[in-house]
Amino acid sequence: MTRQAGRKCAVSLLVVFLMASCAEEQEPAGKRRPADPAPEDRPVAVRSLKSPSFHSTLPRVFTDICWDPHKVCFMLINDEAMAEFFMAKGTILAKSFISSTGKYSLRGWTFVAGKSCVIDGASMTVQLSISRRKTKTFPLNAGDSPSALTWDGTRLWSADSGTNRLYKHAGEAEQFRVVDSFPAAGKRVCGLAWDGARLWSCDSDRLFVYDKDMTAAASYLLPVHVSGITWRGRELWASDRDEPAIHKIEIPLGEGH
């Protein structure tokens, strides 16, 4: 073999090696990015408030919680019931009440530009209240086990406990279509909340806050089992998974809203 032929052979082998290396490193088509390792847990304290003793047979353990800035109360939901908890001086008032959701199975609640917005698990749709008598309905198209909903001022976010993913939706003008999804931190995501700058999620035991690239920046170990979260001004509140109660989560100063 001549020196020139040897150089050509060496170059060809190098090209083949580089192409093979790139093929090995390339992620297979359709494969989802796995969740990033969760940060070290930080302990937090909670202040708990028991649910009122409603004269009703409806279940008083709720799957999600949302602060209603218009009625100035907490909205709590489960597959059968909806409740309104009015607060004053750190206690739940007696005028709080519970009612049946009828044919609807509510799985998440938030407010979109001041309008009430829920996920109906029975029809797998997003229901946006335009007025007391008018509701717009949009397909959810984000997993089969929806568990939470929140609004960041521009986009709607939903969570699915079955896929353990967070879904980013377009706005109302684009019918809340899914534009992206991300792996949720923790095991089975059950709550979502927006603090004005960052997205928060929870599973039953832990609370997570995300960076702009949707990686968990902090993880908090909860002393109770929760089913949903919401911000009330600068206070983070959660519904209890096992008991008829809600909890104020004491986030360390400077780390919360």
C-alpha atoms as a PDB file:
ATOM      1  CA  MET A   1       0.000   0.000   0.000  1.00  0.00           C
ATOM      2  CA  THR A   2       1.325   3.437  -0.886  1.00  0.00           C
ATOM      3  CA  ARG A   3       1.646   6.237   1.682  1.00  0.00           C
ATOM      4  CA  GLN A   4      -1.194   8.178  -0.025  1.00  0.00           C
ATOM      5  CA  ALA A   5      -3.477   5.120  -0.052  1.00  0.00           C
ATOM      6  CA  GLY A   6      -2.687   4.527   3.621  1.00  0.00           C
ATOM      7  CA  ARG A   7      -3.705   8.090   4.517  1.00  0.00           C
ATOM      8  CA  LYS A   8      -7.018   7.675   2.617  1.00  0.00           C
ATOM      9  CA  CYS A   9      -7.702   4.422   4.442  1.00  0.00           C
ATOM     10  CA  ALA A  10      -7.000   6.012   7.850  1.00  0.00           C
ATOM     11  CA  VAL A  11      -9.308   8.949   7.087  1.00  0.00           C
ATOM     12  CA  SER A  12     -12.079   6.567   5.980  1.00  0.00           C
ATOM     13  CA  LEU A  13     -11.773   4.533   9.170  1.00  0.00           C
ATOM     14  CA  LEU A  14     -11.925   7.726  11.279  1.00  0.00           C
ATOM     15  CA  VAL A  15     -15.115   8.880   9.519  1.00  0.00           C
ATOM     16  CA  VAL A  16     -16.766   5.475  10.043  1.00  0.00           C
ATOM     17  CA  PHE A  17     -15.790   5.523  13.752  1.00  0.00           C
ATOM     18  CA  LEU A  18     -17.198   9.017  14.284  1.00  0.00           C
ATOM     19  CA  MET A  19     -20.472   8.149  12.540  1.00  0.00           C
ATOM     20  CA  ALA A  20     -20.863   5.035  14.671  1.00  0.00           C
ATOM     21  CA  SER A  21     -20.185   7.010  17.865  1.00  0.00           C
ATOM     22  CA  CYS A  22     -22.803   9.621  16.958  1.00  0.00           C
ATOM     23  CA  ALA A  23     -25.339   6.892  16.209  1.00  0.00           C
ATOM     24  CA  GLU A  24     -24.755   5.321  19.660  1.00  0.00           C
ATOM     25  CA  GLU A  25     -25.153   8.646  21.453  1.00  0.00           C
ATOM     26  CA  GLN A  26     -28.272   9.708  19.548  1.00  0.00           C
ATOM     27  CA  GLU A  27     -31.491   9.193  21.545  1.00  0.00           C
ATOM     28  CA  PRO A  28     -33.934   6.798  19.844  1.00  0.00           C
ATOM     29  CA  ALA A  29     -36.863   8.522  18.145  1.00  0.00           C
ATOM     30  CA  GLY A  30     -39.859   9.015  20.424  1.00  0.00           C
ATOM     31  CA  LYS A  31     -37.920   8.298  23.621  1.00  0.00           C
ATOM     32  CA  ARG A  32     -38.797  10.703  26.437  1.00  0.00           C
ATOM     33  CA  ARG A  33     -36.151  12.457  28.453  1.00  0.00           C
ATOM     34  CA  PRO A  34     -35.973  10.793  31.889  1.00  0.00           C
ATOM     35  CA  ALA A  35     -36.546  12.808  35.029  1.00  0.00           C
ATOM     36  CA  ASP A  36     -33.466  14.508  36.459  1.00  0.00           C
ATOM     37  CA  PRO A  37     -32.276  13.297  39.872  1.00  0.00           C
ATOM     38  CA  ALA A  38     -34.271  14.993  42.622  1.00  0.00           C
ATOM     39  CA  PRO A  39     -32.386  17.419  44.885  1.00  0.00           C
ATOM     40  CA  GLU A  40     -31.823  16.597  48.546  1.00  0.00           C
ATOM     41  CA  ASP A  41     -34.972  16.869  50.671  1.00  0.00           C
ATOM     42  CA  ARG A  42     -35.405  19.807  53.030  1.00  0.00           C
ATOM     43  CA  PRO A  43     -37.800  19.407  55.976  1.00  0.00           C
ATOM     44  CA  VAL A  44     -40.731  21.815  56.376  1.00  0.00           C
ATOM     45  CA  ALA A  45     -43.347  22.343  59.052  1.00  0.00           C
ATOM     46  CA  VAL A  46     -47.101  22.637  58.526  1.00  0.00           C
ATOM     47  CA  ARG A  47     -50.012  24.213  60.368  1.00  0.00           C
ATOM     48  CA  SER A  48     -53.146  22.105  60.035  1.00  0.00           C
ATOM     49  CA  LEU A  49     -56.826  23.069  60.044  1.00  0.00           C
ATOM     50  CA  LYS A  50     -59.589  20.469  60.290  1.00  0.00           C
ATOM     51  CA  SER A  51     -62.493  20.506  57.858  1.00  0.00           C
ATOM     52  CA  PRO A  52     -65.881  21.610  59.221  1.00  0.00           C
ATOM     53  CA  SER A  53     -68.336  18.867  60.186  1.00  0.00           C
ATOM     54  CA  PHE A  54     -70.753  19.281  57.278  1.00  0.00           C
ATOM     55  CA  HIS A  55     -74.219  17.737  57.615  1.00  0.00           C
ATOM     56  CA  SER A  56     -73.651  15.664  54.509  1.00  0.00           C
ATOM     57  CA  THR A  57     -72.739  12.140  53.457  1.00  0.00           C
ATOM     58  CA  LEU A  58     -70.420  13.463  50.731  1.00  0.00           C
ATOM     59  CA  PRO A  59     -66.724  12.598  51.161  1.00  0.00           C
ATOM     60  CA  ARG A  60     -64.723  15.301  52.979  1.00  0.00           C
ATOM     61  CA  VAL A  61     -61.254  14.103  51.906  1.00  0.00           C
ATOM     62  CA  PHE A  62     -60.285  16.101  48.836  1.00  0.00           C
ATOM     63  CA  THR A  63     -57.981  15.506  45.871  1.00  0.00           C
ATOM     64  CA  ASP A  64     -57.151  19.132  44.989  1.00  0.00           C
ATOM     65  CA  ILE A  65     -57.288  22.643  46.420  1.00  0.00           C
ATOM     66  CA  CYS A  66     -57.413  26.081  44.786  1.00  0.00           C
ATOM     67  CA  TRP A  67     -57.545  29.598  46.233  1.00  0.00           C
ATOM     68  CA  ASP A  68     -60.450  31.589  44.780  1.00  0.00           C
ATOM     69  CA  PRO A  69     -59.445  35.286  44.832  1.00  0.00           C
ATOM     70  CA  HIS A  70     -62.962  36.401  43.894  1.00  0.00           C
ATOM     71  CA  LYS A  71     -64.936  34.589  46.592  1.00  0.00           C
ATOM     72  CA  VAL A  72     -61.894  34.826  48.915  1.00  0.00           C
ATOM     73  CA  CYS A  73     -62.046  31.180  49.918  1.00  0.00           C
ATOM     74  CA  PHE A  74     -60.435  27.822  49.268  1.00  0.00           C
ATOM     75  CA  MET A  75     -62.109  25.595  46.670  1.00  0.00           C
ATOM     76  CA  LEU A  76     -61.653  21.878  47.375  1.00  0.00           C
ATOM     77  CA  ILE A  77     -62.712  19.048  45.075  1.00  0.00           C
ATOM     78  CA  ASN A  78     -62.891  15.287  44.732  1.00  0.00           C
ATOM     79  CA  ASP A  79     -64.687  12.900  42.383  1.00  0.00           C
ATOM     80  CA  GLU A  80     -68.043  13.494  44.078  1.00  0.00           C
ATOM     81  CA  ALA A  81     -67.985  16.830  45.872  1.00  0.00           C
ATOM     82  CA  MET A  82     -66.912  20.457  45.852  1.00  0.00           C
ATOM     83  CA  ALA A  83     -66.429  22.537  49.000  1.00  0.00           C
ATOM     84  CA  GLU A  84     -65.762  26.185  49.806  1.00  0.00           C
ATOM     85  CA  PHE A  85     -63.671  26.950  52.897  1.00  0.00           C
ATOM     86  CA  PHE A  86     -63.912  30.552  54.060  1.00  0.00           C
ATOM     87  CA  MET A  87     -61.108  31.746  56.352  1.00  0.00           C
ATOM     88  CA  ALA A  88     -60.824  34.381  59.085  1.00  0.00           C
ATOM     89  CA  LYS A  89     -58.047  34.856  61.626  1.00  0.00           C
ATOM     90  CA  GLY A  90     -56.519  31.481  60.838  1.00  0.00           C
ATOM     91  CA  THR A  91     -59.731  29.441  61.236  1.00  0.00           C
ATOM     92  CA  ILE A  92     -62.284  27.973  58.826  1.00  0.00           C
ATOM     93  CA  LEU A  93     -65.626  29.717  59.182  1.00  0.00           C
ATOM     94  CA  ALA A  94     -68.955  27.986  59.783  1.00  0.00           C
ATOM     95  CA  LYS A  95     -70.403  29.415  56.540  1.00  0.00           C
ATOM     96  CA  SER A  96     -68.191  27.027  54.590  1.00  0.00           C
ATOM     97  CA  PHE A  97     -70.205  24.397  52.716  1.00  0.00           C
ATOM     98  CA  ILE A  98     -70.011  21.264  50.557  1.00  0.00           C
ATOM     99  CA  SER A  99     -72.096  20.241  47.538  1.00  0.00           C
ATOM    100  CA  SER A 100     -72.290  17.438  44.971  1.00  0.00           C
ATOM    101  CA  THR A 101     -70.550  17.774  41.581  1.00  0.00           C
ATOM    102  CA  GLY A 102     -73.263  15.653  39.948  1.00  0.00           C
ATOM    103  CA  LYS A 103     -72.126  14.077  36.684  1.00  0.00           C
ATOM    104  CA  TYR A 104     -68.713  15.769  36.844  1.00  0.00           C
ATOM    105  CA  SER A 105     -65.549  14.247  38.299  1.00  0.00           C
ATOM    106  CA  LEU A 106     -63.321  17.217  39.071  1.00  0.00           C
ATOM    107  CA  ARG A 107     -59.557  16.533  38.986  1.00  0.00           C
ATOM    108  CA  GLY A 108     -57.964  19.997  38.996  1.00  0.00           C
ATOM    109  CA  TRP A 109     -58.990  23.625  39.543  1.00  0.00           C
ATOM    110  CA  THR A 110     -57.399  26.971  38.672  1.00  0.00           C
ATOM    111  CA  PHE A 111     -58.300  30.446  37.408  1.00  0.00           C
ATOM    112  CA  VAL A 112     -57.455  31.503  33.857  1.00  0.00           C
ATOM    113  CA  ALA A 113     -57.456  35.288  33.482  1.00  0.00           C
ATOM    114  CA  GLY A 114     -59.995  35.462  36.305  1.00  0.00           C
ATOM    115  CA  LYS A 115     -62.218  32.688  34.891  1.00  0.00           C
ATOM    116  CA  SER A 116     -62.764  29.406  36.735  1.00  0.00           C
ATOM    117  CA  CYS A 117     -61.137  26.457  34.945  1.00  0.00           C
ATOM    118  CA  VAL A 118     -61.399  22.776  35.887  1.00  0.00           C
ATOM    119  CA  ILE A 119     -60.533  19.343  34.537  1.00  0.00           C
ATOM    120  CA  ASP A 120     -63.493  16.980  34.281  1.00  0.00           C
ATOM    121  CA  GLY A 121     -62.121  13.458  34.611  1.00  0.00           C
ATOM    122  CA  ALA A 122     -65.404  11.926  33.429  1.00  0.00           C
ATOM    123  CA  SER A 123     -65.213  13.506  29.965  1.00  0.00           C
ATOM    124  CA  MET A 124     -61.424  14.161  29.983  1.00  0.00           C
ATOM    125  CA  THR A 125     -61.996  17.809  29.122  1.00  0.00           C
ATOM    126  CA  VAL A 126     -60.997  21.271  30.308  1.00  0.00           C
ATOM    127  CA  GLN A 127     -64.048  23.297  31.365  1.00  0.00           C
ATOM    128  CA  LEU A 128     -63.678  27.098  31.281  1.00  0.00           C
ATOM    129  CA  SER A 129     -66.467  29.163  32.861  1.00  0.00           C
ATOM    130  CA  ILE A 130     -67.246  32.216  30.728  1.00  0.00           C
ATOM    131  CA  SER A 131     -70.214  33.256  32.882  1.00  0.00           C
ATOM    132  CA  ARG A 132     -72.562  31.666  35.391  1.00  0.00           C
ATOM    133  CA  ARG A 133     -74.510  30.010  32.589  1.00  0.00           C
ATOM    134  CA  LYS A 134     -71.897  29.573  29.865  1.00  0.00           C
ATOM    135  CA  THR A 135     -68.955  27.164  29.806  1.00  0.00           C
ATOM    136  CA  LYS A 136     -66.457  26.414  27.052  1.00  0.00           C
ATOM    137  CA  THR A 137     -65.221  22.841  26.721  1.00  0.00           C
ATOM    138  CA  PHE A 138     -61.847  21.778  25.319  1.00  0.00           C
ATOM    139  CA  PRO A 139     -60.255  18.292  24.956  1.00  0.00           C
ATOM    140  CA  LEU A 140     -57.539  17.645  27.546  1.00  0.00           C
ATOM    141  CA  ASN A 141     -55.292  15.298  25.496  1.00  0.00           C
ATOM    142  CA  ALA A 142     -52.753  14.963  28.317  1.00  0.00           C
ATOM    143  CA  GLY A 143     -52.677  11.492  29.847  1.00  0.00           C
ATOM    144  CA  ASP A 144     -55.468   9.311  31.240  1.00  0.00           C
ATOM    145  CA  SER A 145     -55.128  10.134  34.959  1.00  0.00           C
ATOM    146  CA  PRO A 146     -55.287  13.940  35.318  1.00  0.00           C
ATOM    147  CA  SER A 147     -54.510  15.106  38.846  1.00  0.00           C
ATOM    148  CA  ALA A 148     -53.893  18.880  38.908  1.00  0.00           C
ATOM    149  CA  LEU A 149     -54.183  22.170  37.048  1.00  0.00           C
ATOM    150  CA  THR A 150     -52.609  25.644  37.311  1.00  0.00           C
ATOM    151  CA  TRP A 151     -52.202  28.848  35.270  1.00  0.00           C
ATOM    152  CA  ASP A 152     -48.930  30.797  34.938  1.00  0.00           C
ATOM    153  CA  GLY A 153     -50.444  33.966  33.494  1.00  0.00           C
ATOM    154  CA  THR A 154     -49.874  32.857  29.884  1.00  0.00           C
ATOM    155  CA  ARG A 155     -50.041  29.078  29.792  1.00  0.00           C
ATOM    156  CA  LEU A 156     -52.153  26.378  31.363  1.00  0.00           C
ATOM    157  CA  TRP A 157     -50.343  23.501  33.095  1.00  0.00           C
ATOM    158  CA  SER A 158     -51.803  20.098  33.915  1.00  0.00           C
ATOM    159  CA  ALA A 159     -50.387  17.076  35.693  1.00  0.00           C
ATOM    160  CA  ASP A 160     -51.051  13.381  35.181  1.00  0.00           C
ATOM    161  CA  SER A 161     -50.348  10.919  37.992  1.00  0.00           C
ATOM    162  CA  GLY A 162     -50.380   7.912  35.640  1.00  0.00           C
ATOM    163  CA  THR A 163     -47.630   9.158  33.335  1.00  0.00           C
ATOM    164  CA  ASN A 164     -46.049  11.254  36.143  1.00  0.00           C
ATOM    165  CA  ARG A 165     -45.626  14.120  33.703  1.00  0.00           C
ATOM    166  CA  LEU A 166     -46.341  17.841  33.594  1.00  0.00           C
ATOM    167  CA  TYR A 167     -48.108  19.131  30.484  1.00  0.00           C
ATOM    168  CA  LYS A 168     -47.707  22.654  29.153  1.00  0.00           C
ATOM    169  CA  HIS A 169     -50.759  23.912  27.263  1.00  0.00           C
ATOM    170  CA  ALA A 170     -51.313  26.850  24.953  1.00  0.00           C
ATOM    171  CA  GLY A 171     -53.794  29.575  25.900  1.00  0.00           C
ATOM    172  CA  GLU A 172     -57.550  29.700  25.407  1.00  0.00           C
ATOM    173  CA  ALA A 173     -57.216  31.099  21.871  1.00  0.00           C
ATOM    174  CA  GLU A 174     -55.432  27.873  20.877  1.00  0.00           C
ATOM    175  CA  GLN A 175     -57.935  25.653  22.741  1.00  0.00           C
ATOM    176  CA  PHE A 176     -55.424  24.763  25.463  1.00  0.00           C
ATOM    177  CA  ARG A 177     -53.638  22.298  23.168  1.00  0.00           C
ATOM    178  CA  VAL A 178     -50.574  20.565  24.620  1.00  0.00           C
ATOM    179  CA  VAL A 179     -47.356  22.191  23.390  1.00  0.00           C
ATOM    180  CA  ASP A 180     -44.801  20.340  25.554  1.00  0.00           C
ATOM    181  CA  SER A 181     -44.443  17.898  28.435  1.00  0.00           C
ATOM    182  CA  PHE A 182     -41.839  17.235  31.106  1.00  0.00           C
ATOM    183  CA  PRO A 183     -41.163  14.485  33.639  1.00  0.00           C
ATOM    184  CA  ALA A 184     -42.440  15.416  37.091  1.00  0.00           C
ATOM    185  CA  ALA A 185     -40.175  15.138  40.103  1.00  0.00           C
ATOM    186  CA  GLY A 186     -41.240  12.552  42.675  1.00  0.00           C
ATOM    187  CA  LYS A 187     -43.377   9.444  42.239  1.00  0.00           C
ATOM    188  CA  ARG A 188     -47.009  10.238  41.337  1.00  0.00           C
ATOM    189  CA  VAL A 189     -47.599  13.945  40.825  1.00  0.00           C
ATOM    190  CA  CYS A 190     -50.847  15.055  42.461  1.00  0.00           C
ATOM    191  CA  GLY A 191     -50.647  18.855  42.781  1.00  0.00           C
ATOM    192  CA  LEU A 192     -49.568  21.954  40.833  1.00  0.00           C
ATOM    193  CA  ALA A 193     -49.263  25.643  41.746  1.00  0.00           C
ATOM    194  CA  TRP A 194     -47.711  28.779  40.260  1.00  0.00           C
ATOM    195  CA  ASP A 195     -46.140  31.340  42.625  1.00  0.00           C
ATOM    196  CA  GLY A 196     -45.888  34.171  40.084  1.00  0.00           C
ATOM    197  CA  ALA A 197     -42.418  33.165  38.895  1.00  0.00           C
ATOM    198  CA  ARG A 198     -41.981  29.402  39.291  1.00  0.00           C
ATOM    199  CA  LEU A 199     -43.937  26.178  38.976  1.00  0.00           C
ATOM    200  CA  TRP A 200     -44.425  23.952  42.040  1.00  0.00           C
ATOM    201  CA  SER A 201     -45.617  20.360  42.174  1.00  0.00           C
ATOM    202  CA  CYS A 202     -46.111  17.704  44.818  1.00  0.00           C
ATOM    203  CA  ASP A 203     -46.542  14.000  45.232  1.00  0.00           C
ATOM    204  CA  SER A 204     -48.114  12.741  48.443  1.00  0.00           C
ATOM    205  CA  ASP A 205     -44.909  13.101  50.497  1.00  0.00           C
ATOM    206  CA  ARG A 206     -42.804  15.816  48.865  1.00  0.00           C
ATOM    207  CA  LEU A 207     -42.989  19.297  47.430  1.00  0.00           C
ATOM    208  CA  PHE A 208     -40.900  20.453  44.455  1.00  0.00           C
ATOM    209  CA  VAL A 209     -40.095  23.793  42.817  1.00  0.00           C
ATOM    210  CA  TYR A 210     -38.764  23.999  39.250  1.00  0.00           C
ATOM    211  CA  ASP A 211     -36.198  26.099  37.413  1.00  0.00           C
ATOM    212  CA  LYS A 212     -36.924  27.630  34.003  1.00  0.00           C
ATOM    213  CA  ASP A 213     -35.513  24.519  32.322  1.00  0.00           C
ATOM    214  CA  MET A 214     -38.079  22.412  34.269  1.00  0.00           C
ATOM    215  CA  THR A 215     -35.610  20.646  36.521  1.00  0.00           C
ATOM    216  CA  ALA A 216     -36.386  20.444  40.236  1.00  0.00           C
ATOM    217  CA  ALA A 217     -34.407  23.166  42.017  1.00  0.00           C
ATOM    218  CA  ALA A 218     -35.521  22.192  45.532  1.00  0.00           C
ATOM    219  CA  SER A 219     -37.343  19.358  47.257  1.00  0.00           C
ATOM    220  CA  TYR A 220     -39.188  19.575  50.578  1.00  0.00           C
ATOM    221  CA  LEU A 221     -40.134  16.580  52.726  1.00  0.00           C
ATOM    222  CA  LEU A 222     -43.658  16.961  54.087  1.00  0.00           C
ATOM    223  CA  PRO A 223     -44.725  15.681  57.537  1.00  0.00           C
ATOM    224  CA  VAL A 224     -48.236  14.928  56.219  1.00  0.00           C
ATOM    225  CA  HIS A 225     -49.659  13.259  53.113  1.00  0.00           C
ATOM    226  CA  VAL A 226     -51.059  15.814  50.673  1.00  0.00           C
ATOM    227  CA  SER A 227     -53.225  15.633  47.551  1.00  0.00           C
ATOM    228  CA  GLY A 228     -53.003  19.158  46.084  1.00  0.00           C
ATOM    229  CA  ILE A 229     -51.396  22.582  46.568  1.00  0.00           C
ATOM    230  CA  THR A 230     -52.261  26.246  45.973  1.00  0.00           C
ATOM    231  CA  TRP A 231     -50.821  29.682  46.704  1.00  0.00           C
ATOM    232  CA  ARG A 232     -52.868  32.110  48.785  1.00  0.00           C
ATOM    233  CA  GLY A 233     -50.874  35.303  48.348  1.00  0.00           C
ATOM    234  CA  ARG A 234     -47.481  34.438  49.849  1.00  0.00           C
ATOM    235  CA  GLU A 235     -48.796  31.368  51.691  1.00  0.00           C
ATOM    236  CA  LEU A 236     -48.631  27.843  50.293  1.00  0.00           C
ATOM    237  CA  TRP A 237     -51.538  25.597  51.291  1.00  0.00           C
ATOM    238  CA  ALA A 238     -52.261  21.913  50.681  1.00  0.00           C
ATOM    239  CA  SER A 239     -55.221  19.561  50.898  1.00  0.00           C
ATOM    240  CA  ASP A 240     -54.742  16.386  52.942  1.00  0.00           C
ATOM    241  CA  ARG A 241     -54.773  13.016  51.175  1.00  0.00           C
ATOM    242  CA  ASP A 242     -56.055  10.965  54.130  1.00  0.00           C
ATOM    243  CA  GLU A 243     -57.905  13.303  56.497  1.00  0.00           C
ATOM    244  CA  PRO A 244     -60.555  16.044  56.141  1.00  0.00           C
ATOM    245  CA  ALA A 245     -58.032  18.844  56.633  1.00  0.00           C
ATOM    246  CA  ILE A 246     -55.940  21.511  54.920  1.00  0.00           C
ATOM    247  CA  HIS A 247     -52.375  22.552  55.770  1.00  0.00           C
ATOM    248  CA  LYS A 248     -50.355  25.748  55.573  1.00  0.00           C
ATOM    249  CA  ILE A 249     -46.831  24.756  54.512  1.00  0.00           C
ATOM    250  CA  GLU A 250     -44.119  26.793  56.198  1.00  0.00           C
ATOM    251  CA  ILE A 251     -41.595  27.317  53.395  1.00  0.00           C
ATOM    252  CA  PRO A 252     -38.255  28.709  54.729  1.00  0.00           C
ATOM    253  CA  LEU A 253     -37.955  32.498  54.397  1.00  0.00           C
ATOM    254  CA  GLY A 254     -36.575  33.550  51.022  1.00  0.00           C
ATOM    255  CA  GLU A 255     -37.358  30.234  49.303  1.00  0.00           C
ATOM    256  CA  GLY A 256     -41.064  30.671  48.632  1.00  0.00           C
ATOM    257  CA  HIS A 257     -43.323  33.124  46.834  1.00  0.00           C
END
